[in-house]
Amino acid sequence: MKSTITFEDFSKIDLRVGTIVEVNDFPEARKPAYQLTIDFGELGLKKSSAQITSLYKKEDLLNKQIIANINFPKKQIANFMSECLVMGAVNGKDVILLNPETKVKNGSVVS
């Protein structure tokens, strides 16, 4: 377990629901990954790199809702600028995407 944080620490994290609208291969990444474009509604489109190729096919990801942290600073990954961090549960070497049980409005706050 990691160290304890305060509620104020947690409240700084901006977790939102978005829908994946584009998925591309990312051969330049060190570990197998996809380049995702995610629609966060009024917050716009954001891009992310996700190491989820072992469990997910590109066509299965299109129009899938996910949860992402959208207030990290941008991060350069090879020749790609990641603008958010897609959330997932780590199961061995696999990452299982976190997603709402039912469809919700893009940009909805996760609390």
C-alpha atoms as a PDB file:
ATOM      1  CA  MET A   1       0.000   0.000   0.000  1.00  0.00           C
ATOM      2  CA  LYS A   2       1.169   3.511  -0.745  1.00  0.00           C
ATOM      3  CA  SER A   3       1.313   6.311   1.804  1.00  0.00           C
ATOM      4  CA  THR A   4      -1.890   7.892   3.064  1.00  0.00           C
ATOM      5  CA  ILE A   5      -3.089  11.058   1.347  1.00  0.00           C
ATOM      6  CA  THR A   6      -5.608  13.654   2.415  1.00  0.00           C
ATOM      7  CA  PHE A   7      -8.992  14.245   0.840  1.00  0.00           C
ATOM      8  CA  GLU A   8      -7.565  17.520  -0.509  1.00  0.00           C
ATOM      9  CA  ASP A   9      -4.816  15.528  -2.268  1.00  0.00           C
ATOM     10  CA  PHE A  10      -7.405  13.239  -3.845  1.00  0.00           C
ATOM     11  CA  SER A  11      -9.648  16.149  -4.855  1.00  0.00           C
ATOM     12  CA  LYS A  12      -6.852  17.507  -7.076  1.00  0.00           C
ATOM     13  CA  ILE A  13      -7.182  14.486  -9.383  1.00  0.00           C
ATOM     14  CA  ASP A  14      -9.581  15.168 -12.261  1.00  0.00           C
ATOM     15  CA  LEU A  15     -11.021  11.812 -13.328  1.00  0.00           C
ATOM     16  CA  ARG A  16     -13.493  11.996 -16.215  1.00  0.00           C
ATOM     17  CA  VAL A  17     -15.437   9.669 -18.476  1.00  0.00           C
ATOM     18  CA  GLY A  18     -14.630   9.788 -22.168  1.00  0.00           C
ATOM     19  CA  THR A  19     -15.376   7.793 -25.303  1.00  0.00           C
ATOM     20  CA  ILE A  20     -12.590   6.427 -27.499  1.00  0.00           C
ATOM     21  CA  VAL A  21     -13.189   7.788 -31.005  1.00  0.00           C
ATOM     22  CA  GLU A  22      -9.930   6.803 -32.719  1.00  0.00           C
ATOM     23  CA  VAL A  23      -7.398   4.006 -32.191  1.00  0.00           C
ATOM     24  CA  ASN A  24      -4.061   3.722 -33.989  1.00  0.00           C
ATOM     25  CA  ASP A  25      -1.100   1.380 -33.726  1.00  0.00           C
ATOM     26  CA  PHE A  26       1.932   2.893 -31.999  1.00  0.00           C
ATOM     27  CA  PRO A  27       4.985   1.039 -33.367  1.00  0.00           C
ATOM     28  CA  GLU A  28       7.393   3.704 -32.022  1.00  0.00           C
ATOM     29  CA  ALA A  29       6.492   2.922 -28.393  1.00  0.00           C
ATOM     30  CA  ARG A  30       9.005   0.830 -26.400  1.00  0.00           C
ATOM     31  CA  LYS A  31       6.247  -1.499 -25.187  1.00  0.00           C
ATOM     32  CA  PRO A  32       3.257  -2.450 -27.378  1.00  0.00           C
ATOM     33  CA  ALA A  33       0.654   0.316 -27.180  1.00  0.00           C
ATOM     34  CA  TYR A  34      -2.140   2.091 -29.013  1.00  0.00           C
ATOM     35  CA  GLN A  35      -2.576   5.796 -29.632  1.00  0.00           C
ATOM     36  CA  LEU A  36      -6.073   6.748 -28.509  1.00  0.00           C
ATOM     37  CA  THR A  37      -8.159   9.839 -29.216  1.00  0.00           C
ATOM     38  CA  ILE A  38     -10.792  10.282 -26.518  1.00  0.00           C
ATOM     39  CA  ASP A  39     -13.872  12.529 -26.579  1.00  0.00           C
ATOM     40  CA  PHE A  40     -14.486  14.233 -23.226  1.00  0.00           C
ATOM     41  CA  GLY A  41     -17.546  16.167 -24.377  1.00  0.00           C
ATOM     42  CA  GLU A  42     -17.349  19.879 -23.528  1.00  0.00           C
ATOM     43  CA  LEU A  43     -13.708  19.378 -22.486  1.00  0.00           C
ATOM     44  CA  GLY A  44     -12.825  18.361 -26.049  1.00  0.00           C
ATOM     45  CA  LEU A  45     -10.653  15.632 -27.527  1.00  0.00           C
ATOM     46  CA  LYS A  46      -7.519  14.396 -25.774  1.00  0.00           C
ATOM     47  CA  LYS A  47      -4.896  11.889 -26.866  1.00  0.00           C
ATOM     48  CA  SER A  48      -3.351   9.106 -24.819  1.00  0.00           C
ATOM     49  CA  SER A  49      -0.953   6.213 -25.255  1.00  0.00           C
ATOM     50  CA  ALA A  50      -2.187   2.986 -23.669  1.00  0.00           C
ATOM     51  CA  GLN A  51      -0.391  -0.336 -23.230  1.00  0.00           C
ATOM     52  CA  ILE A  52      -3.533  -2.419 -23.686  1.00  0.00           C
ATOM     53  CA  THR A  53      -2.754  -4.358 -26.857  1.00  0.00           C
ATOM     54  CA  SER A  54      -2.666  -7.762 -25.158  1.00  0.00           C
ATOM     55  CA  LEU A  55      -6.372  -7.712 -24.206  1.00  0.00           C
ATOM     56  CA  TYR A  56      -7.993  -5.256 -26.614  1.00  0.00           C
ATOM     57  CA  LYS A  57      -8.313  -5.144 -30.393  1.00  0.00           C
ATOM     58  CA  LYS A  58      -8.551  -1.744 -32.046  1.00  0.00           C
ATOM     59  CA  GLU A  59     -12.084  -2.361 -33.306  1.00  0.00           C
ATOM     60  CA  ASP A  60     -13.248  -3.357 -29.789  1.00  0.00           C
ATOM     61  CA  LEU A  61     -11.992  -0.071 -28.352  1.00  0.00           C
ATOM     62  CA  LEU A  62     -13.863   2.229 -30.743  1.00  0.00           C
ATOM     63  CA  ASN A  63     -16.822   3.900 -28.998  1.00  0.00           C
ATOM     64  CA  LYS A  64     -15.855   2.339 -25.654  1.00  0.00           C
ATOM     65  CA  GLN A  65     -16.242   4.593 -22.648  1.00  0.00           C
ATOM     66  CA  ILE A  66     -13.254   4.771 -20.305  1.00  0.00           C
ATOM     67  CA  ILE A  67     -12.086   6.701 -17.266  1.00  0.00           C
ATOM     68  CA  ALA A  68      -9.024   8.932 -17.477  1.00  0.00           C
ATOM     69  CA  ASN A  69      -7.131  11.484 -15.434  1.00  0.00           C
ATOM     70  CA  ILE A  70      -7.192  14.657 -17.513  1.00  0.00           C
ATOM     71  CA  ASN A  71      -5.145  17.056 -15.381  1.00  0.00           C
ATOM     72  CA  PHE A  72      -1.677  15.544 -15.573  1.00  0.00           C
ATOM     73  CA  PRO A  73       0.849  17.554 -17.570  1.00  0.00           C
ATOM     74  CA  LYS A  74       1.310  16.428 -21.181  1.00  0.00           C
ATOM     75  CA  LYS A  75       3.937  13.719 -21.628  1.00  0.00           C
ATOM     76  CA  GLN A  76       6.068  12.994 -24.693  1.00  0.00           C
ATOM     77  CA  ILE A  77       6.085   9.276 -25.510  1.00  0.00           C
ATOM     78  CA  ALA A  78       8.342   8.630 -28.527  1.00  0.00           C
ATOM     79  CA  ASN A  79       6.923  10.901 -31.252  1.00  0.00           C
ATOM     80  CA  PHE A  80       3.505  11.227 -29.567  1.00  0.00           C
ATOM     81  CA  MET A  81       2.191  13.722 -26.998  1.00  0.00           C
ATOM     82  CA  SER A  82      -0.046  12.066 -24.398  1.00  0.00           C
ATOM     83  CA  GLU A  83      -2.576  14.477 -22.865  1.00  0.00           C
ATOM     84  CA  CYS A  84      -4.333  12.244 -20.337  1.00  0.00           C
ATOM     85  CA  LEU A  85      -3.857   8.981 -18.455  1.00  0.00           C
ATOM     86  CA  VAL A  86      -6.327   6.187 -19.131  1.00  0.00           C
ATOM     87  CA  MET A  87      -7.134   4.285 -15.932  1.00  0.00           C
ATOM     88  CA  GLY A  88      -6.922   0.521 -15.683  1.00  0.00           C
ATOM     89  CA  ALA A  89      -6.474  -2.302 -13.223  1.00  0.00           C
ATOM     90  CA  VAL A  90      -3.168  -4.144 -13.540  1.00  0.00           C
ATOM     91  CA  ASN A  91      -3.586  -7.912 -13.679  1.00  0.00           C
ATOM     92  CA  GLY A  92      -0.137  -9.441 -14.070  1.00  0.00           C
ATOM     93  CA  LYS A  93       1.167  -7.946 -17.335  1.00  0.00           C
ATOM     94  CA  ASP A  94      -2.300  -7.005 -18.592  1.00  0.00           C
ATOM     95  CA  VAL A  95      -4.216  -3.767 -18.037  1.00  0.00           C
ATOM     96  CA  ILE A  96      -8.005  -3.964 -17.819  1.00  0.00           C
ATOM     97  CA  LEU A  97      -9.661  -0.648 -18.616  1.00  0.00           C
ATOM     98  CA  LEU A  98     -11.895   0.961 -16.016  1.00  0.00           C
ATOM     99  CA  ASN A  99     -15.239   2.040 -17.428  1.00  0.00           C
ATOM    100  CA  PRO A 100     -18.724   3.036 -16.277  1.00  0.00           C
ATOM    101  CA  GLU A 101     -21.252   0.226 -15.965  1.00  0.00           C
ATOM    102  CA  THR A 102     -23.769   2.158 -18.055  1.00  0.00           C
ATOM    103  CA  LYS A 103     -23.263   4.853 -20.685  1.00  0.00           C
ATOM    104  CA  VAL A 104     -22.890   8.357 -19.253  1.00  0.00           C
ATOM    105  CA  LYS A 105     -22.279  11.812 -20.706  1.00  0.00           C
ATOM    106  CA  ASN A 106     -18.715  12.335 -21.935  1.00  0.00           C
ATOM    107  CA  GLY A 107     -16.812  14.564 -19.519  1.00  0.00           C
ATOM    108  CA  SER A 108     -18.754  13.305 -16.486  1.00  0.00           C
ATOM    109  CA  VAL A 109     -16.789  13.623 -13.261  1.00  0.00           C
ATOM    110  CA  VAL A 110     -15.680  10.436 -11.494  1.00  0.00           C
ATOM    111  CA  SER A 111     -15.691  10.866  -7.726  1.00  0.00           C
END
